[in-house]
């Protein structure tokens, strides 16, 4: 599988809500350095899976709309918007945030991520 496909597998509809689908995509030594509008967060393997659990508790649907994706060797850059449907209002799709992420792929797994986001 090429690196771009690995990244695309993470951003398929509803995958981020299911840690059982995310876990096989993650390298055991994954790190995510995330600069958000709330500040800096550094995540490891367990943190990423906990985030999936938190998303699952808050949302019934998750959809990623990718506007740009570029690959060079084992590095993939992706720009996307994350839309969700809440448990309280499952009929309305809501823009959660805009993202830009640079992924490093190692052994066909998500290894390092440098991500920036801004709430809508």
PDB file of N, CA and C in Angstrom:
ATOM      1  N   UNK A   1       0.854  -1.176   0.000  1.00  0.00           N
ATOM      2  CA  UNK A   1       0.000   0.000   0.000  1.00  0.00           C
ATOM      3  C   UNK A   1       0.897   1.236   0.000  1.00  0.00           C
ATOM      4  N   UNK A   2       0.534   2.220  -0.821  1.00  0.00           N
ATOM      5  CA  UNK A   2       1.362   3.415  -0.842  1.00  0.00           C
ATOM      6  C   UNK A   2       0.978   4.335   0.319  1.00  0.00           C
ATOM      7  N   UNK A   3       1.882   5.238   0.704  1.00  0.00           N
ATOM      8  CA  UNK A   3       1.641   6.102   1.869  1.00  0.00           C
ATOM      9  C   UNK A   3       0.353   6.922   1.786  1.00  0.00           C
ATOM     10  N   UNK A   4       0.014   7.399   0.608  1.00  0.00           N
ATOM     11  CA  UNK A   4      -1.210   8.185   0.463  1.00  0.00           C
ATOM     12  C   UNK A   4      -2.441   7.344   0.828  1.00  0.00           C
ATOM     13  N   UNK A   5      -2.451   6.084   0.416  1.00  0.00           N
ATOM     14  CA  UNK A   5      -3.578   5.198   0.732  1.00  0.00           C
ATOM     15  C   UNK A   5      -3.700   4.939   2.233  1.00  0.00           C
ATOM     16  N   UNK A   6      -2.564   4.858   2.922  1.00  0.00           N
ATOM     17  CA  UNK A   6      -2.579   4.667   4.378  1.00  0.00           C
ATOM     18  C   UNK A   6      -3.287   5.849   5.043  1.00  0.00           C
ATOM     19  N   UNK A   7      -2.927   7.056   4.621  1.00  0.00           N
ATOM     20  CA  UNK A   7      -3.543   8.263   5.175  1.00  0.00           C
ATOM     21  C   UNK A   7      -5.024   8.318   4.811  1.00  0.00           C
ATOM     22  N   UNK A   8      -5.358   7.999   3.577  1.00  0.00           N
ATOM     23  CA  UNK A   8      -6.759   8.018   3.154  1.00  0.00           C
ATOM     24  C   UNK A   8      -7.616   7.035   3.946  1.00  0.00           C
ATOM     25  N   UNK A   9      -7.039   5.915   4.340  1.00  0.00           N
ATOM     26  CA  UNK A   9      -7.778   4.945   5.161  1.00  0.00           C
ATOM     27  C   UNK A   9      -8.187   5.538   6.508  1.00  0.00           C
ATOM     28  N   UNK A  10      -7.358   6.411   7.068  1.00  0.00           N
ATOM     29  CA  UNK A  10      -7.690   7.047   8.343  1.00  0.00           C
ATOM     30  C   UNK A  10      -8.861   8.007   8.205  1.00  0.00           C
ATOM     31  N   UNK A  11      -8.945   8.656   7.049  1.00  0.00           N
ATOM     32  CA  UNK A  11      -9.927   9.718   6.881  1.00  0.00           C
ATOM     33  C   UNK A  11     -11.211   9.276   6.167  1.00  0.00           C
ATOM     34  N   UNK A  12     -11.429   7.984   6.044  1.00  0.00           N
ATOM     35  CA  UNK A  12     -12.704   7.511   5.507  1.00  0.00           C
ATOM     36  C   UNK A  12     -13.820   7.825   6.504  1.00  0.00           C
ATOM     37  N   UNK A  13     -15.039   7.932   6.002  1.00  0.00           N
ATOM     38  CA  UNK A  13     -16.189   8.266   6.853  1.00  0.00           C
ATOM     39  C   UNK A  13     -16.272   7.341   8.060  1.00  0.00           C
ATOM     40  N   UNK A  14     -16.436   7.938   9.221  1.00  0.00           N
ATOM     41  CA  UNK A  14     -16.666   7.277  10.503  1.00  0.00           C
ATOM     42  C   UNK A  14     -15.483   6.490  11.076  1.00  0.00           C
ATOM     43  N   UNK A  15     -14.371   6.392  10.376  1.00  0.00           N
ATOM     44  CA  UNK A  15     -13.222   5.629  10.900  1.00  0.00           C
ATOM     45  C   UNK A  15     -12.731   6.226  12.210  1.00  0.00           C
ATOM     46  N   UNK A  16     -12.660   7.547  12.303  1.00  0.00           N
ATOM     47  CA  UNK A  16     -12.154   8.177  13.527  1.00  0.00           C
ATOM     48  C   UNK A  16     -13.047   7.933  14.743  1.00  0.00           C
ATOM     49  N   UNK A  17     -14.259   7.466  14.519  1.00  0.00           N
ATOM     50  CA  UNK A  17     -15.160   7.162  15.634  1.00  0.00           C
ATOM     51  C   UNK A  17     -14.971   5.737  16.155  1.00  0.00           C
ATOM     52  N   UNK A  18     -14.135   4.958  15.494  1.00  0.00           N
ATOM     53  CA  UNK A  18     -14.000   3.542  15.835  1.00  0.00           C
ATOM     54  C   UNK A  18     -12.526   3.181  16.040  1.00  0.00           C
ATOM     55  N   UNK A  19     -12.121   3.069  17.296  1.00  0.00           N
ATOM     56  CA  UNK A  19     -10.702   2.796  17.568  1.00  0.00           C
ATOM     57  C   UNK A  19     -10.265   1.437  17.025  1.00  0.00           C
ATOM     58  N   UNK A  20     -11.209   0.512  16.840  1.00  0.00           N
ATOM     59  CA  UNK A  20     -10.855  -0.797  16.283  1.00  0.00           C
ATOM     60  C   UNK A  20     -10.464  -0.695  14.806  1.00  0.00           C
ATOM     61  N   UNK A  21     -10.950   0.328  14.121  1.00  0.00           N
ATOM     62  CA  UNK A  21     -10.551   0.567  12.735  1.00  0.00           C
ATOM     63  C   UNK A  21      -9.281   1.411  12.663  1.00  0.00           C
ATOM     64  N   UNK A  22      -9.062   2.256  13.646  1.00  0.00           N
ATOM     65  CA  UNK A  22      -7.881   3.125  13.666  1.00  0.00           C
ATOM     66  C   UNK A  22      -6.635   2.364  14.118  1.00  0.00           C
ATOM     67  N   UNK A  23      -6.792   1.516  15.101  1.00  0.00           N
ATOM     68  CA  UNK A  23      -5.638   0.832  15.716  1.00  0.00           C
ATOM     69  C   UNK A  23      -4.741   0.119  14.700  1.00  0.00           C
ATOM     70  N   UNK A  24      -5.282  -0.629  13.723  1.00  0.00           N
ATOM     71  CA  UNK A  24      -4.386  -1.306  12.769  1.00  0.00           C
ATOM     72  C   UNK A  24      -3.611  -0.360  11.852  1.00  0.00           C
ATOM     73  N   UNK A  25      -4.008   0.903  11.808  1.00  0.00           N
ATOM     74  CA  UNK A  25      -3.316   1.881  10.965  1.00  0.00           C
ATOM     75  C   UNK A  25      -2.140   2.539  11.674  1.00  0.00           C
ATOM     76  N   UNK A  26      -2.081   2.401  12.998  1.00  0.00           N
ATOM     77  CA  UNK A  26      -1.100   3.125  13.811  1.00  0.00           C
ATOM     78  C   UNK A  26       0.173   2.333  14.060  1.00  0.00           C
ATOM     79  N   UNK A  27       1.290   2.979  13.868  1.00  0.00           N
ATOM     80  CA  UNK A  27       2.578   2.414  14.269  1.00  0.00           C
ATOM     81  C   UNK A  27       2.622   2.419  15.798  1.00  0.00           C
ATOM     82  N   UNK A  28       3.212   1.412  16.431  1.00  0.00           N
ATOM     83  CA  UNK A  28       3.267   1.391  17.905  1.00  0.00           C
ATOM     84  C   UNK A  28       3.933   2.626  18.511  1.00  0.00           C
ATOM     85  N   UNK A  29       4.860   3.247  17.778  1.00  0.00           N
ATOM     86  CA  UNK A  29       5.578   4.419  18.281  1.00  0.00           C
ATOM     87  C   UNK A  29       5.043   5.734  17.709  1.00  0.00           C
ATOM     88  N   UNK A  30       3.794   5.756  17.313  1.00  0.00           N
ATOM     89  CA  UNK A  30       3.218   6.957  16.707  1.00  0.00           C
ATOM     90  C   UNK A  30       3.307   8.151  17.652  1.00  0.00           C
ATOM     91  N   UNK A  31       3.567   9.313  17.071  1.00  0.00           N
ATOM     92  CA  UNK A  31       3.469  10.580  17.809  1.00  0.00           C
ATOM     93  C   UNK A  31       2.684  11.565  16.942  1.00  0.00           C
ATOM     94  N   UNK A  32       1.853  12.336  17.596  1.00  0.00           N
ATOM     95  CA  UNK A  32       1.097  13.392  16.929  1.00  0.00           C
ATOM     96  C   UNK A  32       1.396  14.690  17.668  1.00  0.00           C
ATOM     97  N   UNK A  33       1.981  15.633  16.964  1.00  0.00           N
ATOM     98  CA  UNK A  33       2.211  16.981  17.493  1.00  0.00           C
ATOM     99  C   UNK A  33       1.135  17.875  16.893  1.00  0.00           C
ATOM    100  N   UNK A  34       0.215  18.332  17.732  1.00  0.00           N
ATOM    101  CA  UNK A  34      -0.984  19.013  17.261  1.00  0.00           C
ATOM    102  C   UNK A  34      -1.045  20.424  17.821  1.00  0.00           C
ATOM    103  N   UNK A  35      -0.986  21.393  16.934  1.00  0.00           N
ATOM    104  CA  UNK A  35      -1.185  22.802  17.284  1.00  0.00           C
ATOM    105  C   UNK A  35      -2.631  23.151  16.939  1.00  0.00           C
ATOM    106  N   UNK A  36      -3.423  23.382  17.971  1.00  0.00           N
ATOM    107  CA  UNK A  36      -4.834  23.711  17.758  1.00  0.00           C
ATOM    108  C   UNK A  36      -5.092  25.132  18.243  1.00  0.00           C
ATOM    109  N   UNK A  37      -6.302  25.603  18.019  1.00  0.00           N
ATOM    110  CA  UNK A  37      -6.654  26.932  18.509  1.00  0.00           C
ATOM    111  C   UNK A  37      -6.717  26.948  20.032  1.00  0.00           C
ATOM    112  N   UNK A  38      -6.697  25.772  20.661  1.00  0.00           N
ATOM    113  CA  UNK A  38      -6.687  25.667  22.122  1.00  0.00           C
ATOM    114  C   UNK A  38      -5.276  25.542  22.695  1.00  0.00           C
ATOM    115  N   UNK A  39      -4.274  25.334  21.814  1.00  0.00           N
ATOM    116  CA  UNK A  39      -2.905  25.174  22.290  1.00  0.00           C
ATOM    117  C   UNK A  39      -2.231  23.958  21.675  1.00  0.00           C
ATOM    118  N   UNK A  40      -1.079  23.580  22.241  1.00  0.00           N
ATOM    119  CA  UNK A  40      -0.288  22.464  21.728  1.00  0.00           C
ATOM    120  C   UNK A  40      -0.624  21.182  22.486  1.00  0.00           C
ATOM    121  N   UNK A  41      -0.786  20.095  21.734  1.00  0.00           N
ATOM    122  CA  UNK A  41      -1.048  18.777  22.304  1.00  0.00           C
ATOM    123  C   UNK A  41      -0.068  17.801  21.667  1.00  0.00           C
ATOM    124  N   UNK A  42       0.547  16.960  22.492  1.00  0.00           N
ATOM    125  CA  UNK A  42       1.377  15.888  21.959  1.00  0.00           C
ATOM    126  C   UNK A  42       0.735  14.567  22.354  1.00  0.00           C
ATOM    127  N   UNK A  43       0.525  13.708  21.373  1.00  0.00           N
ATOM    128  CA  UNK A  43      -0.195  12.461  21.602  1.00  0.00           C
ATOM    129  C   UNK A  43       0.673  11.264  21.218  1.00  0.00           C
ATOM    130  N   UNK A  44       0.445  10.156  21.949  1.00  0.00           N
ATOM    131  CA  UNK A  44       1.088   8.892  21.612  1.00  0.00           C
ATOM    132  C   UNK A  44       0.009   7.904  21.155  1.00  0.00           C
ATOM    133  N   UNK A  45       0.364   6.661  21.005  1.00  0.00           N
ATOM    134  CA  UNK A  45      -0.540   5.616  20.525  1.00  0.00           C
ATOM    135  C   UNK A  45      -1.818   5.546  21.354  1.00  0.00           C
ATOM    136  N   UNK A  46      -1.686   5.453  22.669  1.00  0.00           N
ATOM    137  CA  UNK A  46      -2.856   5.341  23.543  1.00  0.00           C
ATOM    138  C   UNK A  46      -3.712   6.609  23.508  1.00  0.00           C
ATOM    139  N   UNK A  47      -3.076   7.763  23.416  1.00  0.00           N
ATOM    140  CA  UNK A  47      -3.807   9.032  23.353  1.00  0.00           C
ATOM    141  C   UNK A  47      -4.680   9.103  22.096  1.00  0.00           C
ATOM    142  N   UNK A  48      -4.147   8.632  20.968  1.00  0.00           N
ATOM    143  CA  UNK A  48      -4.913   8.649  19.718  1.00  0.00           C
ATOM    144  C   UNK A  48      -6.150   7.762  19.853  1.00  0.00           C
ATOM    145  N   UNK A  49      -5.974   6.584  20.454  1.00  0.00           N
ATOM    146  CA  UNK A  49      -7.116   5.683  20.631  1.00  0.00           C
ATOM    147  C   UNK A  49      -8.135   6.255  21.617  1.00  0.00           C
ATOM    148  N   UNK A  50      -7.660   6.953  22.644  1.00  0.00           N
ATOM    149  CA  UNK A  50      -8.583   7.612  23.579  1.00  0.00           C
ATOM    150  C   UNK A  50      -9.359   8.727  22.886  1.00  0.00           C
ATOM    151  N   UNK A  51      -8.710   9.437  21.972  1.00  0.00           N
ATOM    152  CA  UNK A  51      -9.401  10.462  21.208  1.00  0.00           C
ATOM    153  C   UNK A  51     -10.526   9.845  20.378  1.00  0.00           C
ATOM    154  N   UNK A  52     -10.275   8.691  19.797  1.00  0.00           N
ATOM    155  CA  UNK A  52     -11.317   7.985  19.036  1.00  0.00           C
ATOM    156  C   UNK A  52     -12.508   7.662  19.937  1.00  0.00           C
ATOM    157  N   UNK A  53     -12.247   7.199  21.155  1.00  0.00           N
ATOM    158  CA  UNK A  53     -13.325   6.915  22.106  1.00  0.00           C
ATOM    159  C   UNK A  53     -14.114   8.180  22.437  1.00  0.00           C
ATOM    160  N   UNK A  54     -13.408   9.291  22.638  1.00  0.00           N
ATOM    161  CA  UNK A  54     -14.080  10.553  22.953  1.00  0.00           C
ATOM    162  C   UNK A  54     -14.949  11.022  21.784  1.00  0.00           C
ATOM    163  N   UNK A  55     -14.439  10.894  20.577  1.00  0.00           N
ATOM    164  CA  UNK A  55     -15.219  11.263  19.398  1.00  0.00           C
ATOM    165  C   UNK A  55     -16.456  10.385  19.265  1.00  0.00           C
ATOM    166  N   UNK A  56     -16.285   9.098  19.552  1.00  0.00           N
ATOM    167  CA  UNK A  56     -17.394   8.156  19.464  1.00  0.00           C
ATOM    168  C   UNK A  56     -18.507   8.482  20.454  1.00  0.00           C
ATOM    169  N   UNK A  57     -18.137   8.967  21.612  1.00  0.00           N
ATOM    170  CA  UNK A  57     -19.137   9.320  22.627  1.00  0.00           C
ATOM    171  C   UNK A  57     -19.894  10.594  22.272  1.00  0.00           C
ATOM    172  N   UNK A  58     -19.267  11.489  21.535  1.00  0.00           N
ATOM    173  CA  UNK A  58     -19.877  12.786  21.244  1.00  0.00           C
ATOM    174  C   UNK A  58     -20.614  12.838  19.901  1.00  0.00           C
ATOM    175  N   UNK A  59     -20.209  11.994  18.941  1.00  0.00           N
ATOM    176  CA  UNK A  59     -20.736  12.127  17.585  1.00  0.00           C
ATOM    177  C   UNK A  59     -21.250  10.790  17.056  1.00  0.00           C
ATOM    178  N   UNK A  60     -22.267  10.866  16.201  1.00  0.00           N
ATOM    179  CA  UNK A  60     -22.809   9.659  15.582  1.00  0.00           C
ATOM    180  C   UNK A  60     -22.274   9.457  14.170  1.00  0.00           C
ATOM    181  N   UNK A  61     -21.753  10.520  13.557  1.00  0.00           N
ATOM    182  CA  UNK A  61     -21.158  10.443  12.225  1.00  0.00           C
ATOM    183  C   UNK A  61     -19.941  11.344  12.161  1.00  0.00           C
ATOM    184  N   UNK A  62     -19.008  10.954  11.323  1.00  0.00           N
ATOM    185  CA  UNK A  62     -17.799  11.735  11.108  1.00  0.00           C
ATOM    186  C   UNK A  62     -17.453  11.654   9.626  1.00  0.00           C
ATOM    187  N   UNK A  63     -17.263  12.815   9.026  1.00  0.00           N
ATOM    188  CA  UNK A  63     -16.928  12.838   7.605  1.00  0.00           C
ATOM    189  C   UNK A  63     -15.794  13.830   7.398  1.00  0.00           C
ATOM    190  N   UNK A  64     -14.806  13.385   6.653  1.00  0.00           N
ATOM    191  CA  UNK A  64     -13.654  14.219   6.307  1.00  0.00           C
ATOM    192  C   UNK A  64     -13.778  14.603   4.836  1.00  0.00           C
ATOM    193  N   UNK A  65     -13.668  15.900   4.573  1.00  0.00           N
ATOM    194  CA  UNK A  65     -13.663  16.372   3.182  1.00  0.00           C
ATOM    195  C   UNK A  65     -12.266  16.912   2.892  1.00  0.00           C
ATOM    196  N   UNK A  66     -11.544  16.161   2.090  1.00  0.00           N
ATOM    197  CA  UNK A  66     -10.160  16.501   1.744  1.00  0.00           C
ATOM    198  C   UNK A  66     -10.157  17.451   0.552  1.00  0.00           C
ATOM    199  N   UNK A  67      -9.454  18.564   0.706  1.00  0.00           N
ATOM    200  CA  UNK A  67      -9.320  19.503  -0.411  1.00  0.00           C
ATOM    201  C   UNK A  67      -7.972  19.346  -1.117  1.00  0.00           C
ATOM    202  N   UNK A  68      -6.937  18.935  -0.368  1.00  0.00           N
ATOM    203  CA  UNK A  68      -5.604  18.750  -0.947  1.00  0.00           C
ATOM    204  C   UNK A  68      -4.939  17.537  -0.297  1.00  0.00           C
ATOM    205  N   UNK A  69      -4.253  16.752  -1.108  1.00  0.00           N
ATOM    206  CA  UNK A  69      -3.425  15.665  -0.569  1.00  0.00           C
ATOM    207  C   UNK A  69      -2.230  15.490  -1.512  1.00  0.00           C
ATOM    208  N   UNK A  70      -1.044  15.527  -0.929  1.00  0.00           N
ATOM    209  CA  UNK A  70       0.196  15.427  -1.689  1.00  0.00           C
ATOM    210  C   UNK A  70       1.106  14.399  -1.029  1.00  0.00           C
ATOM    211  N   UNK A  71       1.813  13.650  -1.856  1.00  0.00           N
ATOM    212  CA  UNK A  71       2.745  12.649  -1.335  1.00  0.00           C
ATOM    213  C   UNK A  71       4.120  12.851  -1.939  1.00  0.00           C
ATOM    214  N   UNK A  72       5.130  12.769  -1.078  1.00  0.00           N
ATOM    215  CA  UNK A  72       6.512  12.727  -1.522  1.00  0.00           C
ATOM    216  C   UNK A  72       7.208  11.662  -0.705  1.00  0.00           C
ATOM    217  N   UNK A  73       7.638  10.603  -1.360  1.00  0.00           N
ATOM    218  CA  UNK A  73       8.244   9.449  -0.687  1.00  0.00           C
ATOM    219  C   UNK A  73       7.301   8.938   0.405  1.00  0.00           C
ATOM    220  N   UNK A  74       7.741   8.924   1.670  1.00  0.00           N
ATOM    221  CA  UNK A  74       6.912   8.411   2.768  1.00  0.00           C
ATOM    222  C   UNK A  74       6.204   9.519   3.545  1.00  0.00           C
ATOM    223  N   UNK A  75       6.113  10.700   2.959  1.00  0.00           N
ATOM    224  CA  UNK A  75       5.462  11.825   3.613  1.00  0.00           C
ATOM    225  C   UNK A  75       4.214  12.208   2.823  1.00  0.00           C
ATOM    226  N   UNK A  76       3.123  12.406   3.563  1.00  0.00           N
ATOM    227  CA  UNK A  76       1.848  12.783   2.952  1.00  0.00           C
ATOM    228  C   UNK A  76       1.330  14.026   3.660  1.00  0.00           C
ATOM    229  N   UNK A  77       0.985  15.045   2.881  1.00  0.00           N
ATOM    230  CA  UNK A  77       0.380  16.264   3.412  1.00  0.00           C
ATOM    231  C   UNK A  77      -1.090  16.268   3.008  1.00  0.00           C
ATOM    232  N   UNK A  78      -1.938  16.598   3.963  1.00  0.00           N
ATOM    233  CA  UNK A  78      -3.369  16.590   3.688  1.00  0.00           C
ATOM    234  C   UNK A  78      -4.023  17.813   4.337  1.00  0.00           C
ATOM    235  N   UNK A  79      -4.891  18.454   3.580  1.00  0.00           N
ATOM    236  CA  UNK A  79      -5.682  19.589   4.073  1.00  0.00           C
ATOM    237  C   UNK A  79      -7.136  19.157   3.982  1.00  0.00           C
ATOM    238  N   UNK A  80      -7.857  19.298   5.107  1.00  0.00           N
ATOM    239  CA  UNK A  80      -9.223  18.790   5.117  1.00  0.00           C
ATOM    240  C   UNK A  80     -10.086  19.538   6.122  1.00  0.00           C
ATOM    241  N   UNK A  81     -11.382  19.343   5.970  1.00  0.00           N
ATOM    242  CA  UNK A  81     -12.360  19.849   6.927  1.00  0.00           C
ATOM    243  C   UNK A  81     -13.069  18.645   7.532  1.00  0.00           C
ATOM    244  N   UNK A  82     -13.295  18.708   8.845  1.00  0.00           N
ATOM    245  CA  UNK A  82     -13.920  17.594   9.564  1.00  0.00           C
ATOM    246  C   UNK A  82     -15.345  17.988   9.925  1.00  0.00           C
ATOM    247  N   UNK A  83     -16.296  17.218   9.408  1.00  0.00           N
ATOM    248  CA  UNK A  83     -17.710  17.437   9.683  1.00  0.00           C
ATOM    249  C   UNK A  83     -18.223  16.305  10.566  1.00  0.00           C
ATOM    250  N   UNK A  84     -19.122  16.631  11.477  1.00  0.00           N
ATOM    251  CA  UNK A  84     -19.687  15.633  12.389  1.00  0.00           C
ATOM    252  C   UNK A  84     -21.194  15.835  12.518  1.00  0.00           C
ATOM    253  N   UNK A  85     -21.840  14.791  13.002  1.00  0.00           N
ATOM    254  CA  UNK A  85     -23.242  14.864  13.407  1.00  0.00           C
ATOM    255  C   UNK A  85     -23.280  14.491  14.883  1.00  0.00           C
ATOM    256  N   UNK A  86     -23.916  15.326  15.677  1.00  0.00           N
ATOM    257  CA  UNK A  86     -23.934  15.112  17.125  1.00  0.00           C
ATOM    258  C   UNK A  86     -25.040  14.145  17.523  1.00  0.00           C
ATOM    259  N   UNK A  87     -24.883  13.578  18.708  1.00  0.00           N
ATOM    260  CA  UNK A  87     -25.906  12.701  19.263  1.00  0.00           C
ATOM    261  C   UNK A  87     -27.192  13.495  19.483  1.00  0.00           C
ATOM    262  N   UNK A  88     -27.050  14.734  19.909  1.00  0.00           N
ATOM    263  CA  UNK A  88     -28.205  15.574  20.186  1.00  0.00           C
ATOM    264  C   UNK A  88     -28.966  15.959  18.922  1.00  0.00           C
ATOM    265  N   UNK A  89     -28.256  16.103  17.804  1.00  0.00           N
ATOM    266  CA  UNK A  89     -28.890  16.535  16.561  1.00  0.00           C
ATOM    267  C   UNK A  89     -28.300  15.739  15.383  1.00  0.00           C
ATOM    268  N   UNK A  90     -28.665  14.462  15.249  1.00  0.00           N
ATOM    269  CA  UNK A  90     -28.042  13.603  14.240  1.00  0.00           C
ATOM    270  C   UNK A  90     -28.406  13.937  12.792  1.00  0.00           C
ATOM    271  N   UNK A  91     -29.354  14.823  12.588  1.00  0.00           N
ATOM    272  CA  UNK A  91     -29.757  15.172  11.215  1.00  0.00           C
ATOM    273  C   UNK A  91     -28.940  16.319  10.634  1.00  0.00           C
ATOM    274  N   UNK A  92     -28.292  17.075  11.494  1.00  0.00           N
ATOM    275  CA  UNK A  92     -27.554  18.254  11.036  1.00  0.00           C
ATOM    276  C   UNK A  92     -26.047  17.990  11.034  1.00  0.00           C
ATOM    277  N   UNK A  93     -25.446  18.189   9.875  1.00  0.00           N
ATOM    278  CA  UNK A  93     -23.997  18.067   9.764  1.00  0.00           C
ATOM    279  C   UNK A  93     -23.365  19.385  10.171  1.00  0.00           C
ATOM    280  N   UNK A  94     -22.364  19.308  11.034  1.00  0.00           N
ATOM    281  CA  UNK A  94     -21.727  20.488  11.600  1.00  0.00           C
ATOM    282  C   UNK A  94     -20.230  20.466  11.278  1.00  0.00           C
ATOM    283  N   UNK A  95     -19.700  21.594  10.856  1.00  0.00           N
ATOM    284  CA  UNK A  95     -18.261  21.702  10.627  1.00  0.00           C
ATOM    285  C   UNK A  95     -17.563  21.800  11.981  1.00  0.00           C
ATOM    286  N   UNK A  96     -16.735  20.819  12.278  1.00  0.00           N
ATOM    287  CA  UNK A  96     -16.004  20.801  13.540  1.00  0.00           C
ATOM    288  C   UNK A  96     -14.770  21.702  13.465  1.00  0.00           C
ATOM    289  N   UNK A  97     -13.931  21.487  12.441  1.00  0.00           N
ATOM    290  CA  UNK A  97     -12.696  22.267  12.324  1.00  0.00           C
ATOM    291  C   UNK A  97     -12.062  22.043  10.953  1.00  0.00           C
ATOM    292  N   UNK A  98     -11.126  22.929  10.623  1.00  0.00           N
ATOM    293  CA  UNK A  98     -10.278  22.794   9.438  1.00  0.00           C
ATOM    294  C   UNK A  98      -8.906  22.304   9.904  1.00  0.00           C
ATOM    295  N   UNK A  99      -8.281  21.435   9.119  1.00  0.00           N
ATOM    296  CA  UNK A  99      -7.016  20.814   9.506  1.00  0.00           C
ATOM    297  C   UNK A  99      -6.004  20.850   8.360  1.00  0.00           C
ATOM    298  N   UNK A 100      -4.748  20.846   8.767  1.00  0.00           N
ATOM    299  CA  UNK A 100      -3.641  20.581   7.861  1.00  0.00           C
ATOM    300  C   UNK A 100      -2.712  19.632   8.593  1.00  0.00           C
ATOM    301  N   UNK A 101      -2.392  18.506   7.965  1.00  0.00           N
ATOM    302  CA  UNK A 101      -1.546  17.502   8.628  1.00  0.00           C
ATOM    303  C   UNK A 101      -0.442  17.029   7.687  1.00  0.00           C
ATOM    304  N   UNK A 102       0.718  16.812   8.267  1.00  0.00           N
ATOM    305  CA  UNK A 102       1.846  16.207   7.558  1.00  0.00           C
ATOM    306  C   UNK A 102       2.108  14.868   8.243  1.00  0.00           C
ATOM    307  N   UNK A 103       1.914  13.792   7.488  1.00  0.00           N
ATOM    308  CA  UNK A 103       2.085  12.437   8.025  1.00  0.00           C
ATOM    309  C   UNK A 103       3.363  11.807   7.501  1.00  0.00           C
ATOM    310  N   UNK A 104       4.100  11.166   8.389  1.00  0.00           N
ATOM    311  CA  UNK A 104       5.226  10.319   7.999  1.00  0.00           C
ATOM    312  C   UNK A 104       4.760   8.880   8.156  1.00  0.00           C
ATOM    313  N   UNK A 105       4.966   8.089   7.109  1.00  0.00           N
ATOM    314  CA  UNK A 105       4.546   6.688   7.113  1.00  0.00           C
ATOM    315  C   UNK A 105       5.787   5.807   7.293  1.00  0.00           C
ATOM    316  N   UNK A 106       5.681   4.844   8.187  1.00  0.00           N
ATOM    317  CA  UNK A 106       6.787   3.905   8.432  1.00  0.00           C
ATOM    318  C   UNK A 106       6.197   2.504   8.526  1.00  0.00           C
ATOM    319  N   UNK A 107       6.758   1.565   7.791  1.00  0.00           N
ATOM    320  CA  UNK A 107       6.263   0.180   7.768  1.00  0.00           C
ATOM    321  C   UNK A 107       4.784   0.123   7.379  1.00  0.00           C
ATOM    322  N   UNK A 108       4.375   0.996   6.467  1.00  0.00           N
ATOM    323  CA  UNK A 108       2.981   1.094   6.007  1.00  0.00           C
ATOM    324  C   UNK A 108       2.006   1.450   7.127  1.00  0.00           C
ATOM    325  N   UNK A 109       2.484   2.172   8.130  1.00  0.00           N
ATOM    326  CA  UNK A 109       1.652   2.599   9.257  1.00  0.00           C
ATOM    327  C   UNK A 109       1.865   4.093   9.516  1.00  0.00           C
ATOM    328  N   UNK A 110       0.876   4.705  10.130  1.00  0.00           N
ATOM    329  CA  UNK A 110       0.962   6.113  10.507  1.00  0.00           C
ATOM    330  C   UNK A 110       1.969   6.251  11.645  1.00  0.00           C
ATOM    331  N   UNK A 111       3.058   6.972  11.404  1.00  0.00           N
ATOM    332  CA  UNK A 111       4.171   7.010  12.355  1.00  0.00           C
ATOM    333  C   UNK A 111       4.328   8.363  13.063  1.00  0.00           C
ATOM    334  N   UNK A 112       4.371   9.432  12.308  1.00  0.00           N
ATOM    335  CA  UNK A 112       4.502  10.764  12.907  1.00  0.00           C
ATOM    336  C   UNK A 112       3.538  11.704  12.196  1.00  0.00           C
ATOM    337  N   UNK A 113       2.939  12.587  12.995  1.00  0.00           N
ATOM    338  CA  UNK A 113       2.021  13.558  12.431  1.00  0.00           C
ATOM    339  C   UNK A 113       2.308  14.926  13.038  1.00  0.00           C
ATOM    340  N   UNK A 114       2.324  15.926  12.173  1.00  0.00           N
ATOM    341  CA  UNK A 114       2.428  17.311  12.577  1.00  0.00           C
ATOM    342  C   UNK A 114       1.156  17.973  12.051  1.00  0.00           C
ATOM    343  N   UNK A 115       0.307  18.418  12.955  1.00  0.00           N
ATOM    344  CA  UNK A 115      -1.035  18.838  12.583  1.00  0.00           C
ATOM    345  C   UNK A 115      -1.376  20.203  13.156  1.00  0.00           C
ATOM    346  N   UNK A 116      -2.112  20.973  12.366  1.00  0.00           N
ATOM    347  CA  UNK A 116      -2.647  22.254  12.833  1.00  0.00           C
ATOM    348  C   UNK A 116      -4.143  22.248  12.556  1.00  0.00           C
ATOM    349  N   UNK A 117      -4.904  22.853  13.473  1.00  0.00           N
ATOM    350  CA  UNK A 117      -6.347  22.923  13.282  1.00  0.00           C
ATOM    351  C   UNK A 117      -6.880  24.258  13.763  1.00  0.00           C
ATOM    352  N   UNK A 118      -8.041  24.580  13.236  1.00  0.00           N
ATOM    353  CA  UNK A 118      -8.741  25.782  13.661  1.00  0.00           C
ATOM    354  C   UNK A 118     -10.232  25.466  13.676  1.00  0.00           C
ATOM    355  N   UNK A 119     -10.869  25.721  14.827  1.00  0.00           N
ATOM    356  CA  UNK A 119     -12.301  25.498  14.925  1.00  0.00           C
ATOM    357  C   UNK A 119     -13.022  26.410  13.951  1.00  0.00           C
ATOM    358  N   UNK A 120     -14.162  25.933  13.506  1.00  0.00           N
ATOM    359  CA  UNK A 120     -14.942  26.733  12.549  1.00  0.00           C
ATOM    360  C   UNK A 120     -15.651  27.871  13.258  1.00  0.00           C
TER     361      UNK A 120
END
